[in-house]
Amino acid sequence: MQYQKTNFKDLIICSPTVHSDERGYFYESFHLKSFQDFTGLSPQFVQDNQSRSGFGALRGLHFQTGKDAQSKLVRVLEGEVLDVVVDLRKEEATFGKTFSIQLSAQNRKQLFIPKGMAHGFITLTEYATFAYKCDAYYNSKSEGGIAYNDTTLCIDWMLPSSNFIISEKDQKNHPFKDLPKDYLF
């Protein structure tokens, strides 16, 4: 596994070493010891999630607060997405900034997202199967969201908004500047 730091504290790009032959391929999608050696972090994942989304499906930007805050390791099993995070950690120089990366079945990249970040993605191909590990259980009472079209963040979702498919719930997310103080880390 190869790891790459970003300009955001503890936001790590993970690229597996792929072993291929006439049978197909094999790779480790996560290796705790090598991750710990590179990052100094020790996530203990407790829940795996998977979704399938059609072209233009935009999910996010989601997060959980307090003791239910989640670190996530995200990847794409089929198709391609633009994955986006927003730093909600007030003490970090990257507070209020966004980071985006294309994740696909082809590039096999994964993104480790630490606690204190909002997360979302949009499907760039006909469909995408998205999988992620979380180090805390989902708790609906602790969830929050930021508007996908926030004018402060100015996220380029790589598709025209006419292609967006957005849940009713995500259409009601807060603008970044109006997030309740207890949503910030």
Protein backbone atom coordinates (compact mmCIF):
# COMPACT_ATOMS: atom_id res chain seq x y z
CA MET A 1 0.00 0.00 0.00
CA GLN A 2 1.23 3.48 -0.83
CA TYR A 3 0.06 6.48 1.19
CA GLN A 4 0.05 10.14 0.24
CA LYS A 5 -0.50 13.05 2.60
CA THR A 6 -2.67 15.96 1.50
CA ASN A 7 -2.58 19.58 2.69
CA PHE A 8 -5.31 18.63 5.19
CA LYS A 9 -4.20 17.10 8.50
CA ASP A 10 -4.82 13.32 8.53
CA LEU A 11 -6.63 13.31 5.15
CA ILE A 12 -4.75 10.49 3.40
CA ILE A 13 -4.87 9.09 -0.15
CA CYS A 14 -4.32 5.32 -0.12
CA SER A 15 -3.25 3.47 -3.28
CA PRO A 16 -2.98 -0.31 -3.12
CA THR A 17 -0.27 -2.42 -4.68
CA VAL A 18 -2.11 -4.55 -7.22
CA HIS A 19 -0.90 -8.05 -8.09
CA SER A 20 -2.21 -9.18 -11.50
CA ASP A 21 -1.85 -12.34 -13.51
CA GLU A 22 -3.90 -14.45 -15.93
CA ARG A 23 -6.44 -15.16 -13.15
CA GLY A 24 -7.18 -11.50 -12.49
CA TYR A 25 -5.88 -9.33 -9.66
CA PHE A 26 -5.43 -9.20 -5.89
CA TYR A 27 -4.72 -6.36 -3.49
CA GLU A 28 -5.02 -5.52 0.18
CA SER A 29 -7.63 -2.79 0.51
CA PHE A 30 -6.57 -1.97 4.07
CA HIS A 31 -3.62 -2.91 6.27
CA LEU A 32 -3.79 -1.42 9.77
CA LYS A 33 -0.09 -1.75 10.64
CA SER A 34 1.19 -0.06 7.47
CA PHE A 35 -1.48 2.64 7.87
CA GLN A 36 -0.43 3.21 11.49
CA ASP A 37 3.25 3.30 10.53
CA PHE A 38 2.60 6.02 7.92
CA THR A 39 -0.02 8.13 9.73
CA GLY A 40 0.30 7.40 13.43
CA LEU A 41 -3.48 6.84 13.41
CA SER A 42 -5.25 3.67 14.58
CA PRO A 43 -8.84 3.63 13.31
CA GLN A 44 -10.92 0.77 14.61
CA PHE A 45 -13.59 0.32 11.96
CA VAL A 46 -16.96 -0.90 13.27
CA GLN A 47 -19.30 -0.52 10.30
CA ASP A 48 -19.03 -1.06 6.53
CA ASN A 49 -21.48 0.62 4.15
CA GLN A 50 -22.10 0.31 0.42
CA SER A 51 -24.28 2.23 -2.02
CA ARG A 52 -24.98 2.14 -5.72
CA SER A 53 -25.82 5.39 -7.46
CA GLY A 54 -26.72 6.39 -10.99
CA PHE A 55 -25.12 9.10 -13.10
CA GLY A 56 -25.40 12.53 -11.47
CA ALA A 57 -26.45 11.21 -8.04
CA LEU A 58 -25.02 13.64 -5.50
CA ARG A 59 -24.85 12.43 -1.91
CA GLY A 60 -23.79 14.83 0.81
CA LEU A 61 -22.25 16.71 2.30
CA HIS A 62 -22.71 14.62 5.47
CA PHE A 63 -21.05 14.32 8.88
CA GLN A 64 -21.75 13.23 12.44
CA THR A 65 -20.96 15.30 15.53
CA GLY A 66 -19.77 14.73 19.08
CA LYS A 67 -18.98 11.23 20.27
CA ASP A 68 -20.59 9.88 17.09
CA ALA A 69 -18.15 11.66 14.74
CA GLN A 70 -16.78 9.23 12.17
CA SER A 71 -13.50 8.67 10.40
CA LYS A 72 -14.09 6.92 7.08
CA LEU A 73 -12.10 4.99 4.52
CA VAL A 74 -13.92 5.40 1.19
CA ARG A 75 -13.49 3.75 -2.20
CA VAL A 76 -15.30 2.92 -5.44
CA LEU A 77 -15.86 -0.69 -6.49
CA GLU A 78 -17.54 0.04 -9.86
CA GLY A 79 -17.62 3.26 -11.88
CA GLU A 80 -16.22 6.65 -10.87
CA VAL A 81 -17.12 9.45 -8.47
CA LEU A 82 -15.85 12.86 -7.53
CA ASP A 83 -15.32 12.63 -3.78
CA VAL A 84 -15.41 15.90 -1.80
CA VAL A 85 -14.64 16.78 1.82
CA VAL A 86 -15.01 20.02 3.78
CA ASP A 87 -12.86 20.61 6.86
CA LEU A 88 -15.02 21.49 9.90
CA ARG A 89 -12.12 21.53 12.39
CA LYS A 90 -11.94 25.13 13.66
CA GLU A 91 -8.32 24.86 14.82
CA GLU A 92 -6.97 23.70 11.45
CA ALA A 93 -5.56 26.04 8.80
CA THR A 94 -7.79 24.20 6.29
CA PHE A 95 -11.01 25.00 8.21
CA GLY A 96 -13.77 25.77 5.70
CA LYS A 97 -11.69 24.56 2.75
CA THR A 98 -12.59 21.74 0.39
CA PHE A 99 -10.62 18.84 -1.05
CA SER A 100 -11.74 16.71 -3.98
CA ILE A 101 -10.42 13.62 -5.71
CA GLN A 102 -11.70 11.28 -8.38
CA LEU A 103 -12.08 7.75 -7.06
CA SER A 104 -12.77 4.90 -9.44
CA ALA A 105 -12.69 1.16 -9.87
CA GLN A 106 -9.89 1.79 -12.37
CA ASN A 107 -7.55 3.87 -10.19
CA ARG A 108 -8.42 1.91 -7.01
CA LYS A 109 -7.56 4.94 -4.88
CA GLN A 110 -9.11 5.28 -1.45
CA LEU A 111 -9.44 8.30 0.80
CA PHE A 112 -9.10 8.19 4.57
CA ILE A 113 -11.29 10.98 5.96
CA PRO A 114 -10.64 11.89 9.61
CA LYS A 115 -13.28 12.93 12.12
CA GLY A 116 -14.30 16.55 11.71
CA MET A 117 -14.92 16.59 7.97
CA ALA A 118 -18.11 16.72 5.96
CA HIS A 119 -18.16 14.27 3.07
CA GLY A 120 -20.03 13.87 -0.20
CA PHE A 121 -19.68 12.53 -3.71
CA ILE A 122 -21.25 12.68 -7.16
CA THR A 123 -21.42 9.80 -9.64
CA LEU A 124 -19.57 10.60 -12.88
CA THR A 125 -20.32 7.36 -14.74
CA GLU A 126 -23.54 5.53 -15.64
CA TYR A 127 -23.46 4.13 -12.12
CA ALA A 128 -21.00 3.71 -9.26
CA THR A 129 -20.77 1.32 -6.36
CA PHE A 130 -19.32 3.15 -3.38
CA ALA A 131 -18.03 1.40 -0.24
CA TYR A 132 -16.72 2.77 3.01
CA LYS A 133 -15.64 1.80 6.48
CA CYS A 134 -16.55 3.89 9.55
CA ASP A 135 -14.97 3.92 13.00
CA ALA A 136 -18.25 4.90 14.73
CA TYR A 137 -21.79 3.68 14.26
CA TYR A 138 -24.35 5.76 12.38
CA ASN A 139 -26.56 7.83 14.70
CA SER A 140 -29.29 9.91 13.05
CA LYS A 141 -29.45 12.23 16.09
CA SER A 142 -25.82 13.26 15.52
CA GLU A 143 -25.93 13.83 11.79
CA GLY A 144 -25.50 17.14 10.03
CA GLY A 145 -25.15 18.35 6.48
CA ILE A 146 -23.83 21.20 4.37
CA ALA A 147 -25.57 22.40 1.22
CA TYR A 148 -24.00 20.90 -1.90
CA ASN A 149 -24.35 24.26 -3.68
CA ASP A 150 -22.97 26.44 -0.87
CA THR A 151 -21.82 29.77 -2.34
CA THR A 152 -18.98 30.13 0.18
CA LEU A 153 -17.46 26.74 -0.68
CA CYS A 154 -18.02 26.98 -4.47
CA ILE A 155 -17.54 23.25 -5.07
CA ASP A 156 -17.02 22.25 -8.70
CA TRP A 157 -18.96 18.98 -8.95
CA MET A 158 -17.69 18.44 -12.54
CA LEU A 159 -21.22 18.11 -13.96
CA PRO A 160 -23.86 20.70 -14.83
CA SER A 161 -26.44 21.08 -12.05
CA SER A 162 -29.13 19.98 -14.52
CA ASN A 163 -27.65 16.44 -14.17
CA PHE A 164 -27.79 16.39 -10.35
CA ILE A 165 -30.02 13.88 -8.59
CA ILE A 166 -30.28 14.97 -4.95
CA SER A 167 -32.37 13.58 -2.12
CA GLU A 168 -35.01 15.76 -0.51
CA LYS A 169 -33.04 15.55 2.74
CA ASP A 170 -29.79 16.77 1.14
CA GLN A 171 -31.62 19.67 -0.52
CA LYS A 172 -32.34 20.98 3.00
CA ASN A 173 -28.74 20.96 4.27
CA HIS A 174 -27.34 24.11 5.92
CA PRO A 175 -25.17 26.68 4.15
CA PHE A 176 -21.64 26.47 5.60
CA LYS A 177 -21.83 29.93 7.24
CA ASP A 178 -25.08 28.97 9.00
CA LEU A 179 -23.88 25.71 10.55
CA PRO A 180 -24.78 25.55 14.23
CA LYS A 181 -21.68 26.02 16.43
CA ASP A 182 -22.04 22.51 17.87
CA TYR A 183 -21.58 21.12 14.33
CA LEU A 184 -18.02 22.43 14.22
CA PHE A 185 -15.11 20.47 15.65
